[in-house]
Amino acid sequence: MTTAVLLSSQLAVNVLDARSLLSAFGVLGVGVVLFAETGLLIGFFLPGDSLLFTAGLLCTGAADRGLKLSLAPLLVAAAVGALAGSQCGYLLGRRAGGALLARSRSARLHEGAKRTEELLERYGYAKAIVLARFVPVVRTVLNPMAGALGVPVRTFTVWQVTGGLVWSLGLTLAGYALGSSVPNVDRYLLPIVAVIVALSLIPVVSEVYRSRRVAKAKEARG
């Protein structure tokens, strides 16, 4: 009976909610979600940023009395999921090329692919690969796109590891630090997560605004 109840609660998990994912799957779920978000195009909607931050905060026991995670296993799971996912996405891109995106009908995903190409052209491989980690959807699409566009394996691996560690460990430790220093932080969890998500969208909004300005300038000259 207990097993049935547990299975039922896991099946009812809200994949868009960080706390729901963590309550159902714990540390292991963090690694799986990050792998799916960064390695598989179907994972572009998953809440990577808020999941890492919330998981770090829950390691202090301050945000949810019914759930406390261990920091060391969490850091390992986050890093392994983020790095393995990106490398997997890159290898899929090298093998399947543009077919991966051609099969998807998601407008959001195709928009992410467009932003990814612009990012690679504007900043170069190294900077684009690192920056993409902090941009939702783009961090999902960049890896297979990098493989499809022929980014050298060594270049991609070095910079995806660098960006992946800064992103996964940085957000997790930021959540842990906040939970350790702010009393009753659970009262502010939702606003904090909302701010994290909003900040992660700034690069996307900035790029859209820049692209529109460039397009208008071209129309004016034409």
N, C-alpha and C. Protein backbone atom coordinates (compact mmCIF):
# COMPACT_ATOMS: atom_id res chain seq x y z
N MET A 1 0.83 -1.20 0.00
CA MET A 1 0.00 0.00 0.00
C MET A 1 0.87 1.26 0.00
N THR A 2 1.90 1.23 0.84
CA THR A 2 2.82 2.38 0.91
C THR A 2 3.51 2.60 -0.42
N THR A 3 3.93 1.51 -1.08
CA THR A 3 4.60 1.59 -2.38
C THR A 3 3.66 2.19 -3.42
N ALA A 4 2.39 1.79 -3.37
CA ALA A 4 1.41 2.30 -4.34
C ALA A 4 1.20 3.79 -4.16
N VAL A 5 1.14 4.23 -2.90
CA VAL A 5 0.95 5.66 -2.62
C VAL A 5 2.15 6.46 -3.11
N LEU A 6 3.37 5.93 -2.86
CA LEU A 6 4.59 6.61 -3.30
C LEU A 6 4.64 6.71 -4.81
N LEU A 7 4.30 5.61 -5.50
CA LEU A 7 4.32 5.60 -6.96
C LEU A 7 3.31 6.60 -7.50
N SER A 8 2.14 6.65 -6.85
CA SER A 8 1.10 7.58 -7.28
C SER A 8 1.56 9.02 -7.16
N SER A 9 2.27 9.33 -6.06
CA SER A 9 2.75 10.71 -5.85
C SER A 9 3.81 11.08 -6.87
N GLN A 10 4.64 10.10 -7.28
CA GLN A 10 5.68 10.37 -8.27
C GLN A 10 5.09 10.59 -9.65
N LEU A 11 4.06 9.81 -9.96
CA LEU A 11 3.42 9.95 -11.26
C LEU A 11 2.70 11.29 -11.38
N ALA A 12 2.29 11.85 -10.24
CA ALA A 12 1.55 13.10 -10.23
C ALA A 12 2.48 14.31 -10.15
N VAL A 13 3.78 14.10 -10.26
CA VAL A 13 4.74 15.18 -10.12
C VAL A 13 4.55 16.22 -11.22
N ASN A 14 4.72 17.48 -10.85
CA ASN A 14 4.66 18.59 -11.80
C ASN A 14 6.07 18.86 -12.30
N VAL A 15 6.35 18.51 -13.55
CA VAL A 15 7.71 18.63 -14.08
C VAL A 15 8.14 20.07 -14.28
N LEU A 16 7.20 21.01 -14.20
CA LEU A 16 7.53 22.42 -14.36
C LEU A 16 7.81 23.09 -13.02
N ASP A 17 7.61 22.36 -11.93
CA ASP A 17 7.80 22.92 -10.60
C ASP A 17 9.00 22.27 -9.92
N ALA A 18 9.98 23.10 -9.55
CA ALA A 18 11.23 22.58 -8.98
C ALA A 18 10.99 21.81 -7.68
N ARG A 19 10.16 22.34 -6.80
CA ARG A 19 9.93 21.69 -5.51
C ARG A 19 9.21 20.36 -5.68
N SER A 20 8.31 20.30 -6.65
CA SER A 20 7.59 19.06 -6.92
C SER A 20 8.55 17.98 -7.42
N LEU A 21 9.46 18.36 -8.31
CA LEU A 21 10.46 17.42 -8.83
C LEU A 21 11.38 16.93 -7.71
N LEU A 22 11.82 17.84 -6.87
CA LEU A 22 12.74 17.48 -5.79
C LEU A 22 12.05 16.61 -4.74
N SER A 23 10.79 16.89 -4.45
CA SER A 23 10.06 16.09 -3.48
C SER A 23 9.87 14.66 -3.97
N ALA A 24 9.67 14.52 -5.28
CA ALA A 24 9.41 13.20 -5.85
C ALA A 24 10.69 12.40 -6.08
N PHE A 25 11.75 13.04 -6.55
CA PHE A 25 12.93 12.30 -7.00
C PHE A 25 14.22 12.65 -6.28
N GLY A 26 14.25 13.73 -5.52
CA GLY A 26 15.44 14.07 -4.75
C GLY A 26 16.64 14.40 -5.62
N VAL A 27 17.83 14.10 -5.11
CA VAL A 27 19.08 14.43 -5.78
C VAL A 27 19.20 13.76 -7.14
N LEU A 28 18.77 12.52 -7.24
CA LEU A 28 18.84 11.79 -8.52
C LEU A 28 18.05 12.52 -9.59
N GLY A 29 16.91 13.07 -9.20
CA GLY A 29 16.09 13.80 -10.16
C GLY A 29 16.78 15.01 -10.73
N VAL A 30 17.64 15.65 -9.94
CA VAL A 30 18.38 16.82 -10.42
C VAL A 30 19.28 16.42 -11.59
N GLY A 31 20.02 15.34 -11.42
CA GLY A 31 20.90 14.87 -12.49
C GLY A 31 20.14 14.50 -13.74
N VAL A 32 19.01 13.80 -13.57
CA VAL A 32 18.21 13.36 -14.72
C VAL A 32 17.61 14.55 -15.46
N VAL A 33 17.07 15.50 -14.71
CA VAL A 33 16.45 16.68 -15.33
C VAL A 33 17.49 17.51 -16.08
N LEU A 34 18.65 17.71 -15.49
CA LEU A 34 19.68 18.50 -16.17
C LEU A 34 20.19 17.79 -17.41
N PHE A 35 20.29 16.47 -17.34
CA PHE A 35 20.70 15.71 -18.53
C PHE A 35 19.67 15.88 -19.64
N ALA A 36 18.39 15.78 -19.29
CA ALA A 36 17.33 15.91 -20.29
C ALA A 36 17.27 17.32 -20.86
N GLU A 37 17.43 18.32 -19.98
CA GLU A 37 17.33 19.71 -20.44
C GLU A 37 18.49 20.10 -21.35
N THR A 38 19.68 19.62 -21.05
CA THR A 38 20.85 20.04 -21.83
C THR A 38 21.23 19.05 -22.93
N GLY A 39 20.71 17.82 -22.87
CA GLY A 39 21.11 16.81 -23.84
C GLY A 39 20.05 16.37 -24.81
N LEU A 40 18.78 16.56 -24.46
CA LEU A 40 17.68 16.09 -25.30
C LEU A 40 16.77 17.26 -25.65
N LEU A 41 16.45 17.43 -26.90
CA LEU A 41 15.63 18.56 -27.32
C LEU A 41 14.26 18.56 -26.66
N ILE A 42 13.77 17.39 -26.28
CA ILE A 42 12.46 17.32 -25.64
C ILE A 42 12.47 17.91 -24.23
N GLY A 43 13.66 18.18 -23.69
CA GLY A 43 13.75 18.70 -22.33
C GLY A 43 13.87 20.20 -22.24
N PHE A 44 13.60 20.91 -23.35
CA PHE A 44 13.83 22.36 -23.36
C PHE A 44 12.95 23.12 -22.37
N PHE A 45 11.80 22.54 -21.97
CA PHE A 45 10.86 23.24 -21.09
C PHE A 45 11.16 23.04 -19.61
N LEU A 46 12.12 22.19 -19.27
CA LEU A 46 12.38 21.86 -17.88
C LEU A 46 13.03 23.03 -17.12
N PRO A 47 12.75 23.16 -15.82
CA PRO A 47 13.19 24.33 -15.03
C PRO A 47 14.59 24.19 -14.44
N GLY A 48 15.62 24.19 -15.29
CA GLY A 48 16.98 23.97 -14.81
C GLY A 48 17.47 24.98 -13.80
N ASP A 49 17.30 26.27 -14.09
CA ASP A 49 17.79 27.32 -13.19
C ASP A 49 17.14 27.25 -11.81
N SER A 50 15.81 27.25 -11.80
CA SER A 50 15.10 27.23 -10.52
C SER A 50 15.30 25.92 -9.78
N LEU A 51 15.49 24.82 -10.51
CA LEU A 51 15.72 23.53 -9.87
C LEU A 51 17.04 23.53 -9.11
N LEU A 52 18.10 24.04 -9.73
CA LEU A 52 19.41 24.08 -9.08
C LEU A 52 19.38 24.98 -7.85
N PHE A 53 18.80 26.15 -8.00
CA PHE A 53 18.77 27.10 -6.89
C PHE A 53 17.95 26.55 -5.73
N THR A 54 16.78 26.01 -6.04
CA THR A 54 15.91 25.47 -5.00
C THR A 54 16.56 24.27 -4.32
N ALA A 55 17.21 23.42 -5.09
CA ALA A 55 17.87 22.24 -4.52
C ALA A 55 18.97 22.66 -3.55
N GLY A 56 19.75 23.68 -3.93
CA GLY A 56 20.79 24.17 -3.04
C GLY A 56 20.21 24.72 -1.76
N LEU A 57 19.11 25.44 -1.89
CA LEU A 57 18.45 26.02 -0.72
C LEU A 57 17.93 24.92 0.21
N LEU A 58 17.39 23.85 -0.37
CA LEU A 58 16.85 22.75 0.43
C LEU A 58 17.93 21.97 1.18
N CYS A 59 19.17 22.12 0.77
CA CYS A 59 20.26 21.43 1.48
C CYS A 59 20.44 21.99 2.90
N THR A 60 19.95 23.19 3.13
CA THR A 60 20.08 23.79 4.46
C THR A 60 18.94 23.39 5.38
N GLY A 61 17.88 22.82 4.80
CA GLY A 61 16.72 22.46 5.61
C GLY A 61 15.86 23.65 5.97
N ALA A 62 16.20 24.81 5.42
CA ALA A 62 15.50 26.04 5.81
C ALA A 62 14.23 26.28 5.02
N ALA A 63 14.15 25.72 3.82
CA ALA A 63 13.03 26.06 2.95
C ALA A 63 11.85 25.12 3.07
N ASP A 64 12.06 23.92 3.54
CA ASP A 64 10.98 22.93 3.58
C ASP A 64 11.30 21.92 4.67
N ARG A 65 10.55 21.95 5.76
CA ARG A 65 10.85 21.07 6.88
C ARG A 65 10.71 19.59 6.53
N GLY A 66 9.94 19.29 5.50
CA GLY A 66 9.75 17.89 5.14
C GLY A 66 10.76 17.38 4.14
N LEU A 67 11.67 18.21 3.68
CA LEU A 67 12.63 17.79 2.66
C LEU A 67 13.98 18.46 2.87
N LYS A 68 15.00 17.66 3.01
CA LYS A 68 16.36 18.18 3.16
C LYS A 68 17.29 17.33 2.32
N LEU A 69 18.02 17.96 1.43
CA LEU A 69 18.95 17.27 0.55
C LEU A 69 20.37 17.38 1.09
N SER A 70 21.25 16.49 0.63
CA SER A 70 22.66 16.53 1.02
C SER A 70 23.44 17.28 -0.05
N LEU A 71 24.27 18.23 0.37
CA LEU A 71 24.95 19.11 -0.57
C LEU A 71 25.94 18.39 -1.47
N ALA A 72 26.81 17.56 -0.91
CA ALA A 72 27.85 16.91 -1.71
C ALA A 72 27.27 16.04 -2.83
N PRO A 73 26.33 15.11 -2.54
CA PRO A 73 25.72 14.33 -3.62
C PRO A 73 24.99 15.20 -4.63
N LEU A 74 24.38 16.29 -4.15
CA LEU A 74 23.67 17.20 -5.05
C LEU A 74 24.62 17.85 -6.04
N LEU A 75 25.76 18.33 -5.56
CA LEU A 75 26.75 18.96 -6.44
C LEU A 75 27.25 17.98 -7.49
N VAL A 76 27.48 16.74 -7.08
CA VAL A 76 27.94 15.71 -8.02
C VAL A 76 26.87 15.44 -9.07
N ALA A 77 25.63 15.25 -8.63
CA ALA A 77 24.53 14.95 -9.55
C ALA A 77 24.30 16.10 -10.53
N ALA A 78 24.37 17.33 -10.02
CA ALA A 78 24.16 18.51 -10.87
C ALA A 78 25.24 18.61 -11.94
N ALA A 79 26.49 18.45 -11.53
CA ALA A 79 27.61 18.56 -12.47
C ALA A 79 27.58 17.44 -13.50
N VAL A 80 27.36 16.21 -13.06
CA VAL A 80 27.35 15.07 -13.98
C VAL A 80 26.19 15.20 -14.98
N GLY A 81 25.00 15.56 -14.48
CA GLY A 81 23.85 15.71 -15.37
C GLY A 81 24.06 16.80 -16.40
N ALA A 82 24.59 17.94 -15.96
CA ALA A 82 24.78 19.07 -16.87
C ALA A 82 25.86 18.79 -17.92
N LEU A 83 26.97 18.21 -17.49
CA LEU A 83 28.09 17.95 -18.41
C LEU A 83 27.79 16.80 -19.36
N ALA A 84 27.25 15.70 -18.81
CA ALA A 84 26.95 14.54 -19.66
C ALA A 84 25.85 14.87 -20.65
N GLY A 85 24.86 15.66 -20.22
CA GLY A 85 23.77 16.05 -21.11
C GLY A 85 24.27 16.86 -22.29
N SER A 86 25.10 17.84 -22.03
CA SER A 86 25.62 18.68 -23.12
C SER A 86 26.45 17.88 -24.11
N GLN A 87 27.29 17.00 -23.59
CA GLN A 87 28.14 16.20 -24.48
C GLN A 87 27.29 15.25 -25.32
N CYS A 88 26.25 14.70 -24.70
CA CYS A 88 25.34 13.82 -25.43
C CYS A 88 24.63 14.59 -26.54
N GLY A 89 24.13 15.79 -26.22
CA GLY A 89 23.46 16.61 -27.22
C GLY A 89 24.37 16.96 -28.39
N TYR A 90 25.63 17.26 -28.07
CA TYR A 90 26.61 17.58 -29.11
C TYR A 90 26.83 16.39 -30.04
N LEU A 91 27.00 15.21 -29.47
CA LEU A 91 27.24 13.99 -30.26
C LEU A 91 26.03 13.65 -31.12
N LEU A 92 24.82 13.86 -30.57
CA LEU A 92 23.62 13.63 -31.37
C LEU A 92 23.58 14.60 -32.55
N GLY A 93 23.98 15.84 -32.31
CA GLY A 93 24.00 16.84 -33.37
C GLY A 93 24.98 16.49 -34.47
N ARG A 94 26.14 15.96 -34.09
CA ARG A 94 27.14 15.57 -35.09
C ARG A 94 26.64 14.43 -35.97
N ARG A 95 25.86 13.54 -35.38
CA ARG A 95 25.37 12.38 -36.13
C ARG A 95 24.11 12.69 -36.94
N ALA A 96 23.17 13.38 -36.31
CA ALA A 96 21.87 13.59 -36.95
C ALA A 96 21.74 14.93 -37.65
N GLY A 97 22.59 15.89 -37.28
CA GLY A 97 22.55 17.19 -37.92
C GLY A 97 21.23 17.91 -37.72
N GLY A 98 20.78 18.58 -38.76
CA GLY A 98 19.56 19.38 -38.69
C GLY A 98 18.29 18.57 -38.58
N ALA A 99 18.37 17.26 -38.79
CA ALA A 99 17.16 16.42 -38.71
C ALA A 99 16.52 16.47 -37.34
N LEU A 100 17.32 16.68 -36.30
CA LEU A 100 16.79 16.74 -34.94
C LEU A 100 15.79 17.89 -34.80
N LEU A 101 16.13 19.04 -35.35
CA LEU A 101 15.24 20.19 -35.26
C LEU A 101 14.11 20.11 -36.28
N ALA A 102 14.40 19.52 -37.43
CA ALA A 102 13.39 19.45 -38.49
C ALA A 102 12.17 18.65 -38.05
N ARG A 103 12.39 17.71 -37.15
CA ARG A 103 11.27 16.86 -36.69
C ARG A 103 10.41 17.54 -35.64
N SER A 104 10.91 18.61 -35.06
CA SER A 104 10.15 19.30 -34.01
C SER A 104 9.27 20.39 -34.60
N ARG A 105 8.04 20.51 -34.06
CA ARG A 105 7.11 21.54 -34.50
C ARG A 105 7.01 22.68 -33.49
N SER A 106 7.86 22.65 -32.49
CA SER A 106 7.80 23.68 -31.45
C SER A 106 8.39 25.00 -31.93
N ALA A 107 7.55 26.04 -31.96
CA ALA A 107 8.01 27.36 -32.38
C ALA A 107 9.08 27.89 -31.42
N ARG A 108 8.90 27.59 -30.14
CA ARG A 108 9.87 28.05 -29.14
C ARG A 108 11.23 27.41 -29.36
N LEU A 109 11.22 26.15 -29.73
CA LEU A 109 12.47 25.44 -29.96
C LEU A 109 13.18 25.97 -31.20
N HIS A 110 12.42 26.25 -32.26
CA HIS A 110 13.03 26.78 -33.48
C HIS A 110 13.54 28.21 -33.27
N GLU A 111 12.85 28.96 -32.42
CA GLU A 111 13.33 30.29 -32.07
C GLU A 111 14.64 30.19 -31.31
N GLY A 112 14.72 29.18 -30.43
CA GLY A 112 15.96 28.94 -29.69
C GLY A 112 17.10 28.58 -30.63
N ALA A 113 16.80 27.81 -31.66
CA ALA A 113 17.83 27.44 -32.64
C ALA A 113 18.35 28.67 -33.38
N LYS A 114 17.44 29.57 -33.72
CA LYS A 114 17.83 30.80 -34.41
C LYS A 114 18.74 31.64 -33.52
N ARG A 115 18.36 31.77 -32.23
CA ARG A 115 19.17 32.54 -31.29
C ARG A 115 20.54 31.89 -31.09
N THR A 116 20.55 30.57 -31.13
CA THR A 116 21.81 29.84 -30.95
C THR A 116 22.79 30.15 -32.08
N GLU A 117 22.30 30.11 -33.32
CA GLU A 117 23.16 30.43 -34.47
C GLU A 117 23.70 31.85 -34.37
N GLU A 118 22.82 32.77 -33.97
CA GLU A 118 23.25 34.17 -33.82
C GLU A 118 24.30 34.30 -32.73
N LEU A 119 24.11 33.54 -31.65
CA LEU A 119 25.05 33.57 -30.53
C LEU A 119 26.43 33.07 -30.95
N LEU A 120 26.46 31.98 -31.70
CA LEU A 120 27.73 31.42 -32.17
C LEU A 120 28.44 32.38 -33.12
N GLU A 121 27.68 33.03 -34.00
CA GLU A 121 28.26 33.96 -34.96
C GLU A 121 28.76 35.24 -34.28
N ARG A 122 28.00 35.69 -33.31
CA ARG A 122 28.33 36.98 -32.69
C ARG A 122 29.49 36.88 -31.71
N TYR A 123 29.52 35.82 -30.89
CA TYR A 123 30.49 35.74 -29.81
C TYR A 123 31.63 34.74 -30.06
N GLY A 124 31.50 33.90 -31.07
CA GLY A 124 32.51 32.86 -31.26
C GLY A 124 32.19 31.65 -30.40
N TYR A 125 32.86 30.54 -30.67
CA TYR A 125 32.53 29.28 -30.02
C TYR A 125 32.64 29.33 -28.49
N ALA A 126 33.80 29.73 -27.99
CA ALA A 126 34.06 29.65 -26.55
C ALA A 126 33.05 30.46 -25.74
N LYS A 127 32.92 31.73 -26.04
CA LYS A 127 32.04 32.60 -25.27
C LYS A 127 30.58 32.20 -25.42
N ALA A 128 30.18 31.80 -26.63
CA ALA A 128 28.79 31.42 -26.87
C ALA A 128 28.42 30.16 -26.09
N ILE A 129 29.31 29.19 -26.05
CA ILE A 129 29.03 27.93 -25.35
C ILE A 129 28.87 28.18 -23.85
N VAL A 130 29.69 29.06 -23.29
CA VAL A 130 29.58 29.37 -21.87
C VAL A 130 28.32 30.18 -21.59
N LEU A 131 28.06 31.22 -22.38
CA LEU A 131 26.89 32.07 -22.16
C LEU A 131 25.58 31.30 -22.32
N ALA A 132 25.56 30.35 -23.25
CA ALA A 132 24.33 29.59 -23.51
C ALA A 132 23.83 28.86 -22.29
N ARG A 133 24.73 28.49 -21.39
CA ARG A 133 24.33 27.78 -20.17
C ARG A 133 23.32 28.58 -19.35
N PHE A 134 23.36 29.87 -19.45
CA PHE A 134 22.53 30.72 -18.61
C PHE A 134 21.26 31.21 -19.32
N VAL A 135 21.01 30.68 -20.52
CA VAL A 135 19.84 31.09 -21.29
C VAL A 135 18.92 29.90 -21.53
N PRO A 136 17.72 29.89 -20.93
CA PRO A 136 16.79 28.78 -21.15
C PRO A 136 16.52 28.55 -22.63
N VAL A 137 16.28 27.33 -23.01
CA VAL A 137 16.03 26.88 -24.38
C VAL A 137 17.32 26.90 -25.19
N VAL A 138 18.04 28.03 -25.18
CA VAL A 138 19.29 28.11 -25.94
C VAL A 138 20.29 27.08 -25.42
N ARG A 139 20.34 26.86 -24.09
CA ARG A 139 21.28 25.87 -23.56
C ARG A 139 20.89 24.45 -23.98
N THR A 140 19.62 24.27 -24.36
CA THR A 140 19.18 22.97 -24.87
C THR A 140 19.57 22.80 -26.33
N VAL A 141 19.34 23.85 -27.10
CA VAL A 141 19.52 23.78 -28.56
C VAL A 141 20.98 23.91 -28.98
N LEU A 142 21.78 24.66 -28.22
CA LEU A 142 23.15 24.93 -28.65
C LEU A 142 23.97 23.66 -28.83
N ASN A 143 23.79 22.70 -27.95
CA ASN A 143 24.65 21.51 -28.00
C ASN A 143 24.51 20.72 -29.30
N PRO A 144 23.29 20.32 -29.71
CA PRO A 144 23.18 19.65 -31.00
C PRO A 144 23.52 20.56 -32.18
N MET A 145 23.23 21.86 -32.04
CA MET A 145 23.57 22.79 -33.11
C MET A 145 25.08 22.90 -33.27
N ALA A 146 25.80 22.91 -32.15
CA ALA A 146 27.26 22.97 -32.21
C ALA A 146 27.81 21.75 -32.92
N GLY A 147 27.22 20.58 -32.64
CA GLY A 147 27.65 19.37 -33.32
C GLY A 147 27.34 19.40 -34.79
N ALA A 148 26.13 19.87 -35.14
CA ALA A 148 25.71 19.93 -36.54
C ALA A 148 26.53 20.93 -37.33
N LEU A 149 26.95 22.03 -36.69
CA LEU A 149 27.71 23.07 -37.37
C LEU A 149 29.21 22.79 -37.42
N GLY A 150 29.62 21.67 -36.83
CA GLY A 150 31.02 21.27 -36.92
C GLY A 150 31.96 21.95 -35.95
N VAL A 151 31.46 22.40 -34.81
CA VAL A 151 32.36 22.94 -33.79
C VAL A 151 33.32 21.83 -33.36
N PRO A 152 34.63 22.07 -33.33
CA PRO A 152 35.60 21.02 -32.96
C PRO A 152 35.28 20.39 -31.61
N VAL A 153 35.45 19.08 -31.51
CA VAL A 153 35.11 18.34 -30.30
C VAL A 153 35.85 18.90 -29.08
N ARG A 154 37.17 19.13 -29.22
CA ARG A 154 37.96 19.61 -28.10
C ARG A 154 37.48 20.99 -27.64
N THR A 155 37.22 21.87 -28.59
CA THR A 155 36.75 23.22 -28.25
C THR A 155 35.43 23.16 -27.51
N PHE A 156 34.51 22.38 -28.05
CA PHE A 156 33.20 22.27 -27.42
C PHE A 156 33.31 21.68 -26.01
N THR A 157 34.08 20.60 -25.88
CA THR A 157 34.18 19.92 -24.59
C THR A 157 34.78 20.82 -23.52
N VAL A 158 35.87 21.50 -23.85
CA VAL A 158 36.52 22.37 -22.87
C VAL A 158 35.57 23.45 -22.37
N TRP A 159 34.86 24.09 -23.29
CA TRP A 159 34.03 25.22 -22.89
C TRP A 159 32.67 24.82 -22.34
N GLN A 160 32.16 23.67 -22.76
CA GLN A 160 30.91 23.23 -22.15
C GLN A 160 31.14 22.75 -20.72
N VAL A 161 32.31 22.18 -20.46
CA VAL A 161 32.65 21.78 -19.09
C VAL A 161 32.82 23.03 -18.22
N THR A 162 33.52 24.03 -18.75
CA THR A 162 33.71 25.27 -18.01
C THR A 162 32.38 25.93 -17.68
N GLY A 163 31.57 26.14 -18.70
CA GLY A 163 30.27 26.77 -18.49
C GLY A 163 29.34 25.92 -17.64
N GLY A 164 29.39 24.61 -17.86
CA GLY A 164 28.52 23.70 -17.12
C GLY A 164 28.80 23.69 -15.64
N LEU A 165 30.07 23.73 -15.27
CA LEU A 165 30.43 23.74 -13.86
C LEU A 165 30.06 25.07 -13.19
N VAL A 166 30.32 26.17 -13.89
CA VAL A 166 29.99 27.48 -13.34
C VAL A 166 28.47 27.59 -13.13
N TRP A 167 27.72 27.13 -14.11
CA TRP A 167 26.25 27.22 -14.04
C TRP A 167 25.67 26.30 -12.97
N SER A 168 25.97 25.01 -13.07
CA SER A 168 25.35 24.04 -12.16
C SER A 168 25.80 24.22 -10.71
N LEU A 169 27.10 24.33 -10.50
CA LEU A 169 27.61 24.49 -9.13
C LEU A 169 27.33 25.88 -8.59
N GLY A 170 27.42 26.89 -9.45
CA GLY A 170 27.21 28.27 -9.02
C GLY A 170 25.79 28.50 -8.52
N LEU A 171 24.79 28.09 -9.28
CA LEU A 171 23.41 28.28 -8.86
C LEU A 171 23.07 27.46 -7.62
N THR A 172 23.61 26.23 -7.56
CA THR A 172 23.35 25.37 -6.40
C THR A 172 23.93 25.99 -5.14
N LEU A 173 25.17 26.44 -5.22
CA LEU A 173 25.83 27.03 -4.05
C LEU A 173 25.21 28.38 -3.68
N ALA A 174 24.69 29.10 -4.67
CA ALA A 174 24.01 30.36 -4.38
C ALA A 174 22.76 30.10 -3.54
N GLY A 175 22.01 29.07 -3.92
CA GLY A 175 20.84 28.69 -3.14
C GLY A 175 21.20 28.24 -1.75
N TYR A 176 22.28 27.48 -1.65
CA TYR A 176 22.74 26.99 -0.34
C TYR A 176 23.18 28.16 0.55
N ALA A 177 23.91 29.09 -0.03
CA ALA A 177 24.39 30.24 0.74
C ALA A 177 23.23 31.09 1.24
N LEU A 178 22.23 31.29 0.40
CA LEU A 178 21.09 32.09 0.81
C LEU A 178 20.31 31.39 1.93
N GLY A 179 20.10 30.08 1.77
CA GLY A 179 19.37 29.33 2.78
C GLY A 179 20.10 29.29 4.11
N SER A 180 21.43 29.36 4.07
CA SER A 180 22.22 29.32 5.29
C SER A 180 22.27 30.66 6.01
N SER A 181 22.05 31.74 5.27
CA SER A 181 22.25 33.07 5.85
C SER A 181 20.97 33.85 6.12
N VAL A 182 19.87 33.47 5.47
CA VAL A 182 18.62 34.22 5.63
C VAL A 182 17.61 33.41 6.44
N PRO A 183 17.21 33.89 7.62
CA PRO A 183 16.21 33.18 8.43
C PRO A 183 14.85 33.12 7.72
N ASN A 184 14.15 31.99 7.88
CA ASN A 184 12.81 31.83 7.31
C ASN A 184 12.78 32.15 5.81
N VAL A 185 13.80 31.67 5.11
CA VAL A 185 13.91 31.98 3.69
C VAL A 185 12.76 31.38 2.88
N ASP A 186 12.06 30.37 3.44
CA ASP A 186 10.96 29.75 2.72
C ASP A 186 9.85 30.75 2.40
N ARG A 187 9.76 31.83 3.20
CA ARG A 187 8.74 32.85 2.95
C ARG A 187 9.00 33.59 1.63
N TYR A 188 10.25 33.61 1.22
CA TYR A 188 10.63 34.37 0.03
C TYR A 188 11.00 33.47 -1.15
N LEU A 189 10.77 32.17 -1.03
CA LEU A 189 11.24 31.24 -2.05
C LEU A 189 10.63 31.52 -3.42
N LEU A 190 9.32 31.66 -3.49
CA LEU A 190 8.68 31.89 -4.78
C LEU A 190 9.16 33.18 -5.45
N PRO A 191 9.22 34.31 -4.71
CA PRO A 191 9.75 35.53 -5.34
C PRO A 191 11.20 35.37 -5.79
N ILE A 192 12.01 34.65 -5.00
CA ILE A 192 13.42 34.46 -5.35
C ILE A 192 13.53 33.65 -6.63
N VAL A 193 12.77 32.57 -6.71
CA VAL A 193 12.79 31.73 -7.92
C VAL A 193 12.31 32.53 -9.12
N ALA A 194 11.29 33.37 -8.92
CA ALA A 194 10.79 34.21 -10.00
C ALA A 194 11.87 35.16 -10.51
N VAL A 195 12.66 35.71 -9.59
CA VAL A 195 13.76 36.60 -9.96
C VAL A 195 14.83 35.85 -10.74
N ILE A 196 15.16 34.63 -10.29
CA ILE A 196 16.15 33.79 -10.98
C ILE A 196 15.72 33.52 -12.42
N VAL A 197 14.45 33.14 -12.58
CA VAL A 197 13.93 32.87 -13.91
C VAL A 197 13.95 34.13 -14.77
N ALA A 198 13.55 35.26 -14.18
CA ALA A 198 13.53 36.52 -14.92
C ALA A 198 14.94 36.92 -15.37
N LEU A 199 15.91 36.77 -14.49
CA LEU A 199 17.29 37.10 -14.84
C LEU A 199 17.81 36.21 -15.96
N SER A 200 17.41 34.95 -15.94
CA SER A 200 17.87 34.02 -16.97
C SER A 200 17.28 34.35 -18.34
N LEU A 201 16.16 35.09 -18.34
CA LEU A 201 15.53 35.46 -19.61
C LEU A 201 16.06 36.77 -20.18
N ILE A 202 16.83 37.51 -19.39
CA ILE A 202 17.34 38.80 -19.85
C ILE A 202 18.16 38.68 -21.14
N PRO A 203 19.09 37.69 -21.25
CA PRO A 203 19.85 37.58 -22.50
C PRO A 203 18.97 37.34 -23.72
N VAL A 204 17.90 36.55 -23.54
CA VAL A 204 16.99 36.28 -24.66
C VAL A 204 16.27 37.55 -25.08
N VAL A 205 15.74 38.27 -24.11
CA VAL A 205 15.03 39.52 -24.40
C VAL A 205 15.97 40.53 -25.05
N SER A 206 17.19 40.59 -24.56
CA SER A 206 18.18 41.51 -25.11
C SER A 206 18.49 41.20 -26.57
N GLU A 207 18.63 39.89 -26.87
CA GLU A 207 18.93 39.49 -28.24
C GLU A 207 17.76 39.78 -29.17
N VAL A 208 16.53 39.54 -28.69
CA VAL A 208 15.34 39.83 -29.50
C VAL A 208 15.26 41.32 -29.81
N TYR A 209 15.50 42.14 -28.79
CA TYR A 209 15.46 43.59 -28.97
C TYR A 209 16.53 44.04 -29.96
N ARG A 210 17.74 43.48 -29.81
CA ARG A 210 18.83 43.85 -30.71
C ARG A 210 18.52 43.46 -32.15
N SER A 211 17.96 42.24 -32.32
CA SER A 211 17.64 41.76 -33.66
C SER A 211 16.60 42.65 -34.33
N ARG A 212 15.61 43.08 -33.55
CA ARG A 212 14.58 43.95 -34.11
C ARG A 212 15.14 45.31 -34.51
N ARG A 213 16.06 45.82 -33.70
CA ARG A 213 16.68 47.10 -34.04
C ARG A 213 17.50 46.99 -35.32
N VAL A 214 18.22 45.88 -35.46
CA VAL A 214 19.03 45.67 -36.67
C VAL A 214 18.13 45.55 -37.89
N ALA A 215 17.01 44.82 -37.74
CA ALA A 215 16.08 44.63 -38.84
C ALA A 215 15.47 45.97 -39.26
N LYS A 216 15.09 46.79 -38.27
CA LYS A 216 14.51 48.09 -38.59
C LYS A 216 15.51 49.01 -39.27
N ALA A 217 16.78 48.91 -38.81
CA ALA A 217 17.84 49.73 -39.43
C ALA A 217 18.04 49.34 -40.89
N LYS A 218 17.98 48.04 -41.16
CA LYS A 218 18.14 47.57 -42.55
C LYS A 218 16.99 48.04 -43.42
N GLU A 219 15.77 48.00 -42.84
CA GLU A 219 14.59 48.45 -43.60
C GLU A 219 14.69 49.94 -43.90
N ALA A 220 15.18 50.71 -42.92
CA ALA A 220 15.31 52.15 -43.11
C ALA A 220 16.33 52.48 -44.21
N ARG A 221 17.43 51.68 -44.23
CA ARG A 221 18.45 51.92 -45.27
C ARG A 221 17.98 51.46 -46.64
N GLY A 222 17.11 50.41 -46.62
CA GLY A 222 16.64 49.87 -47.88
C GLY A 222 15.56 50.71 -48.50
